[in-house]
Amino acid sequence: MEPQMSGEPAAILILIFVILSVLISLAATVITALVYCKIFSKAGFSWALGLLMLVPIANLVMMFCLAFADWPIHGELRVLRQRCGGTLT
């Protein structure tokens, strides 16, 4: 007769794997959100727009907006150049 193995050790390993996977995914999502919030903030937009990067279709729209929009910093630079007569480089 062969000794019967209980499925308990395998179930515990699977549970540990699932918990670690969820924690790693959650950490990656939080880090991604923080990075995008910082990018939008440095570009002169509201930092909260970075949270839209976590929404599936909104992230594509926001990437196009970020790439093709007139950034606030460019607007400020344009105003400063007009005040100084275009001598700023």
N, C-alpha and C. Protein backbone atom coordinates (compact mmCIF):
# COMPACT_ATOMS: atom_id res chain seq x y z
N MET A 1 0.81 -1.18 0.00
CA MET A 1 0.00 0.00 0.00
C MET A 1 0.86 1.25 0.00
N GLU A 2 0.46 2.18 -0.82
CA GLU A 2 1.17 3.44 -0.87
C GLU A 2 0.55 4.40 0.14
N PRO A 3 1.42 5.20 0.79
CA PRO A 3 0.85 6.19 1.72
C PRO A 3 0.14 7.29 0.93
N GLN A 4 -0.99 7.68 1.44
CA GLN A 4 -1.75 8.73 0.76
C GLN A 4 -1.26 10.10 1.23
N MET A 5 -0.99 10.94 0.23
CA MET A 5 -0.53 12.29 0.53
C MET A 5 -1.74 13.22 0.60
N SER A 6 -1.72 14.05 1.57
CA SER A 6 -2.79 15.03 1.69
C SER A 6 -2.49 16.19 0.73
N GLY A 7 -3.52 16.81 0.20
CA GLY A 7 -3.35 17.94 -0.71
C GLY A 7 -3.13 19.24 0.02
N GLU A 8 -3.00 19.18 1.33
CA GLU A 8 -2.86 20.39 2.14
C GLU A 8 -1.59 21.19 1.85
N PRO A 9 -0.40 20.58 1.75
CA PRO A 9 0.80 21.38 1.45
C PRO A 9 0.72 22.08 0.10
N ALA A 10 0.16 21.42 -0.90
CA ALA A 10 0.03 22.05 -2.21
C ALA A 10 -0.95 23.22 -2.15
N ALA A 11 -2.02 23.07 -1.41
CA ALA A 11 -3.00 24.14 -1.29
C ALA A 11 -2.40 25.35 -0.58
N ILE A 12 -1.56 25.12 0.41
CA ILE A 12 -0.91 26.22 1.12
C ILE A 12 0.05 26.95 0.20
N LEU A 13 0.80 26.20 -0.61
CA LEU A 13 1.72 26.82 -1.55
C LEU A 13 0.97 27.65 -2.60
N ILE A 14 -0.14 27.14 -3.06
CA ILE A 14 -0.94 27.89 -4.03
C ILE A 14 -1.49 29.16 -3.40
N LEU A 15 -1.96 29.08 -2.16
CA LEU A 15 -2.46 30.25 -1.46
C LEU A 15 -1.37 31.29 -1.27
N ILE A 16 -0.18 30.86 -0.89
CA ILE A 16 0.95 31.79 -0.72
C ILE A 16 1.29 32.46 -2.05
N PHE A 17 1.30 31.67 -3.13
CA PHE A 17 1.59 32.22 -4.46
C PHE A 17 0.55 33.26 -4.87
N VAL A 18 -0.71 32.98 -4.62
CA VAL A 18 -1.77 33.93 -4.98
C VAL A 18 -1.66 35.21 -4.17
N ILE A 19 -1.40 35.09 -2.89
CA ILE A 19 -1.27 36.27 -2.03
C ILE A 19 -0.08 37.12 -2.46
N LEU A 20 1.06 36.49 -2.74
CA LEU A 20 2.23 37.23 -3.20
C LEU A 20 1.97 37.90 -4.54
N SER A 21 1.29 37.21 -5.43
CA SER A 21 0.97 37.78 -6.75
C SER A 21 0.09 39.02 -6.61
N VAL A 22 -0.91 38.94 -5.75
CA VAL A 22 -1.81 40.07 -5.53
C VAL A 22 -1.04 41.24 -4.92
N LEU A 23 -0.18 40.98 -3.95
CA LEU A 23 0.58 42.06 -3.32
C LEU A 23 1.55 42.72 -4.29
N ILE A 24 2.21 41.93 -5.11
CA ILE A 24 3.14 42.48 -6.09
C ILE A 24 2.39 43.30 -7.13
N SER A 25 1.24 42.81 -7.58
CA SER A 25 0.43 43.56 -8.55
C SER A 25 -0.07 44.87 -7.96
N LEU A 26 -0.49 44.84 -6.73
CA LEU A 26 -0.95 46.05 -6.05
C LEU A 26 0.18 47.06 -5.90
N ALA A 27 1.36 46.59 -5.52
CA ALA A 27 2.51 47.49 -5.38
C ALA A 27 2.89 48.10 -6.73
N ALA A 28 2.87 47.30 -7.79
CA ALA A 28 3.20 47.82 -9.13
C ALA A 28 2.19 48.86 -9.57
N THR A 29 0.92 48.64 -9.27
CA THR A 29 -0.12 49.59 -9.64
C THR A 29 0.04 50.91 -8.89
N VAL A 30 0.35 50.85 -7.62
CA VAL A 30 0.54 52.07 -6.82
C VAL A 30 1.76 52.84 -7.32
N ILE A 31 2.84 52.14 -7.60
CA ILE A 31 4.05 52.80 -8.08
C ILE A 31 3.79 53.45 -9.44
N THR A 32 3.08 52.75 -10.32
CA THR A 32 2.74 53.30 -11.63
C THR A 32 1.89 54.56 -11.49
N ALA A 33 0.92 54.52 -10.61
CA ALA A 33 0.06 55.69 -10.40
C ALA A 33 0.88 56.87 -9.88
N LEU A 34 1.79 56.62 -8.95
CA LEU A 34 2.62 57.70 -8.41
C LEU A 34 3.51 58.32 -9.50
N VAL A 35 4.06 57.46 -10.35
CA VAL A 35 4.93 57.96 -11.42
C VAL A 35 4.14 58.83 -12.39
N TYR A 36 2.97 58.36 -12.82
CA TYR A 36 2.17 59.15 -13.74
C TYR A 36 1.67 60.44 -13.11
N CYS A 37 1.32 60.40 -11.84
CA CYS A 37 0.90 61.64 -11.16
C CYS A 37 2.04 62.64 -11.13
N LYS A 38 3.25 62.19 -10.90
CA LYS A 38 4.42 63.07 -10.87
C LYS A 38 4.70 63.64 -12.26
N ILE A 39 4.56 62.81 -13.31
CA ILE A 39 4.78 63.28 -14.68
C ILE A 39 3.79 64.39 -15.03
N PHE A 40 2.51 64.17 -14.74
CA PHE A 40 1.51 65.20 -15.05
C PHE A 40 1.75 66.46 -14.23
N SER A 41 2.16 66.30 -12.99
CA SER A 41 2.43 67.46 -12.14
C SER A 41 3.61 68.27 -12.68
N LYS A 42 4.68 67.59 -13.09
CA LYS A 42 5.84 68.30 -13.62
C LYS A 42 5.56 68.93 -14.97
N ALA A 43 4.61 68.38 -15.71
CA ALA A 43 4.26 68.95 -17.01
C ALA A 43 3.37 70.19 -16.85
N GLY A 44 2.92 70.45 -15.63
CA GLY A 44 2.11 71.63 -15.38
C GLY A 44 0.61 71.36 -15.34
N PHE A 45 0.24 70.10 -15.43
CA PHE A 45 -1.16 69.72 -15.35
C PHE A 45 -1.48 69.29 -13.91
N SER A 46 -2.74 69.04 -13.65
CA SER A 46 -3.13 68.55 -12.33
C SER A 46 -2.57 67.14 -12.13
N TRP A 47 -2.06 66.87 -10.95
CA TRP A 47 -1.49 65.56 -10.67
C TRP A 47 -2.55 64.47 -10.75
N ALA A 48 -3.82 64.84 -10.52
CA ALA A 48 -4.89 63.84 -10.51
C ALA A 48 -5.12 63.23 -11.90
N LEU A 49 -4.67 63.90 -12.95
CA LEU A 49 -4.80 63.32 -14.28
C LEU A 49 -3.97 62.05 -14.41
N GLY A 50 -2.97 61.91 -13.59
CA GLY A 50 -2.17 60.69 -13.60
C GLY A 50 -2.96 59.46 -13.18
N LEU A 51 -4.00 59.67 -12.39
CA LEU A 51 -4.84 58.54 -11.98
C LEU A 51 -5.66 58.00 -13.14
N LEU A 52 -5.91 58.84 -14.14
CA LEU A 52 -6.65 58.38 -15.32
C LEU A 52 -5.84 57.37 -16.13
N MET A 53 -4.53 57.33 -15.90
CA MET A 53 -3.70 56.37 -16.62
C MET A 53 -3.97 54.93 -16.18
N LEU A 54 -4.70 54.76 -15.10
CA LEU A 54 -5.06 53.42 -14.63
C LEU A 54 -6.36 52.92 -15.25
N VAL A 55 -7.09 53.82 -15.91
CA VAL A 55 -8.36 53.46 -16.54
C VAL A 55 -8.07 53.04 -17.98
N PRO A 56 -8.53 51.87 -18.41
CA PRO A 56 -8.10 51.30 -19.70
C PRO A 56 -8.22 52.19 -20.92
N ILE A 57 -9.33 52.78 -21.26
CA ILE A 57 -9.42 53.59 -22.48
C ILE A 57 -8.92 55.01 -22.22
N ALA A 58 -9.12 55.49 -21.02
CA ALA A 58 -8.69 56.85 -20.68
C ALA A 58 -7.18 56.99 -20.76
N ASN A 59 -6.43 55.91 -20.51
CA ASN A 59 -4.98 56.03 -20.58
C ASN A 59 -4.50 56.34 -21.99
N LEU A 60 -5.17 55.80 -23.00
CA LEU A 60 -4.79 56.11 -24.38
C LEU A 60 -5.12 57.56 -24.72
N VAL A 61 -6.28 58.00 -24.30
CA VAL A 61 -6.68 59.39 -24.55
C VAL A 61 -5.73 60.35 -23.84
N MET A 62 -5.38 60.05 -22.61
CA MET A 62 -4.51 60.95 -21.84
C MET A 62 -3.09 60.98 -22.41
N MET A 63 -2.63 59.87 -22.96
CA MET A 63 -1.30 59.88 -23.59
C MET A 63 -1.28 60.82 -24.79
N PHE A 64 -2.36 60.80 -25.59
CA PHE A 64 -2.44 61.71 -26.72
C PHE A 64 -2.55 63.16 -26.25
N CYS A 65 -3.34 63.39 -25.20
CA CYS A 65 -3.46 64.74 -24.66
C CYS A 65 -2.11 65.24 -24.14
N LEU A 66 -1.40 64.39 -23.46
CA LEU A 66 -0.10 64.77 -22.91
C LEU A 66 0.91 65.03 -24.02
N ALA A 67 0.83 64.24 -25.08
CA ALA A 67 1.80 64.39 -26.18
C ALA A 67 1.51 65.60 -27.05
N PHE A 68 0.25 65.90 -27.32
CA PHE A 68 -0.08 66.92 -28.30
C PHE A 68 -0.66 68.20 -27.72
N ALA A 69 -0.93 68.25 -26.44
CA ALA A 69 -1.48 69.47 -25.83
C ALA A 69 -0.39 70.53 -25.68
N ASP A 70 -0.82 71.78 -25.60
CA ASP A 70 0.10 72.86 -25.32
C ASP A 70 0.34 72.87 -23.81
N TRP A 71 1.55 72.51 -23.41
CA TRP A 71 1.84 72.40 -21.99
C TRP A 71 1.84 73.79 -21.35
N PRO A 72 1.38 73.88 -20.11
CA PRO A 72 1.36 75.18 -19.42
C PRO A 72 2.75 75.83 -19.35
N ILE A 73 3.79 75.04 -19.22
CA ILE A 73 5.14 75.60 -19.13
C ILE A 73 5.52 76.28 -20.45
N HIS A 74 5.04 75.73 -21.57
CA HIS A 74 5.32 76.36 -22.86
C HIS A 74 4.55 77.67 -23.01
N GLY A 75 3.35 77.72 -22.47
CA GLY A 75 2.58 78.96 -22.48
C GLY A 75 3.28 80.05 -21.67
N GLU A 76 3.80 79.67 -20.51
CA GLU A 76 4.53 80.64 -19.68
C GLU A 76 5.79 81.12 -20.38
N LEU A 77 6.49 80.22 -21.04
CA LEU A 77 7.69 80.59 -21.77
C LEU A 77 7.36 81.54 -22.92
N ARG A 78 6.26 81.29 -23.61
CA ARG A 78 5.84 82.15 -24.70
C ARG A 78 5.53 83.56 -24.19
N VAL A 79 4.85 83.65 -23.04
CA VAL A 79 4.55 84.96 -22.45
C VAL A 79 5.83 85.69 -22.05
N LEU A 80 6.78 84.98 -21.46
CA LEU A 80 8.04 85.60 -21.06
C LEU A 80 8.83 86.08 -22.27
N ARG A 81 8.82 85.31 -23.34
CA ARG A 81 9.51 85.72 -24.57
C ARG A 81 8.88 86.97 -25.16
N GLN A 82 7.56 87.07 -25.08
CA GLN A 82 6.89 88.26 -25.60
C GLN A 82 7.22 89.49 -24.77
N ARG A 83 7.34 89.31 -23.47
CA ARG A 83 7.66 90.44 -22.58
C ARG A 83 9.08 90.92 -22.82
N CYS A 84 9.99 90.00 -23.09
CA CYS A 84 11.40 90.36 -23.26
C CYS A 84 11.74 90.65 -24.72
N GLY A 85 10.80 90.61 -25.59
CA GLY A 85 11.06 90.90 -26.98
C GLY A 85 11.65 89.72 -27.73
N GLY A 86 11.44 88.52 -27.24
CA GLY A 86 11.91 87.31 -27.95
C GLY A 86 13.38 87.02 -27.75
N THR A 87 14.01 87.58 -26.70
CA THR A 87 15.44 87.35 -26.51
C THR A 87 15.74 86.13 -25.64
N LEU A 88 14.72 85.52 -25.05
CA LEU A 88 14.94 84.31 -24.24
C LEU A 88 15.19 83.13 -25.14
N THR A 89 16.14 82.28 -24.75
CA THR A 89 16.41 81.08 -25.55
C THR A 89 16.17 79.85 -24.73
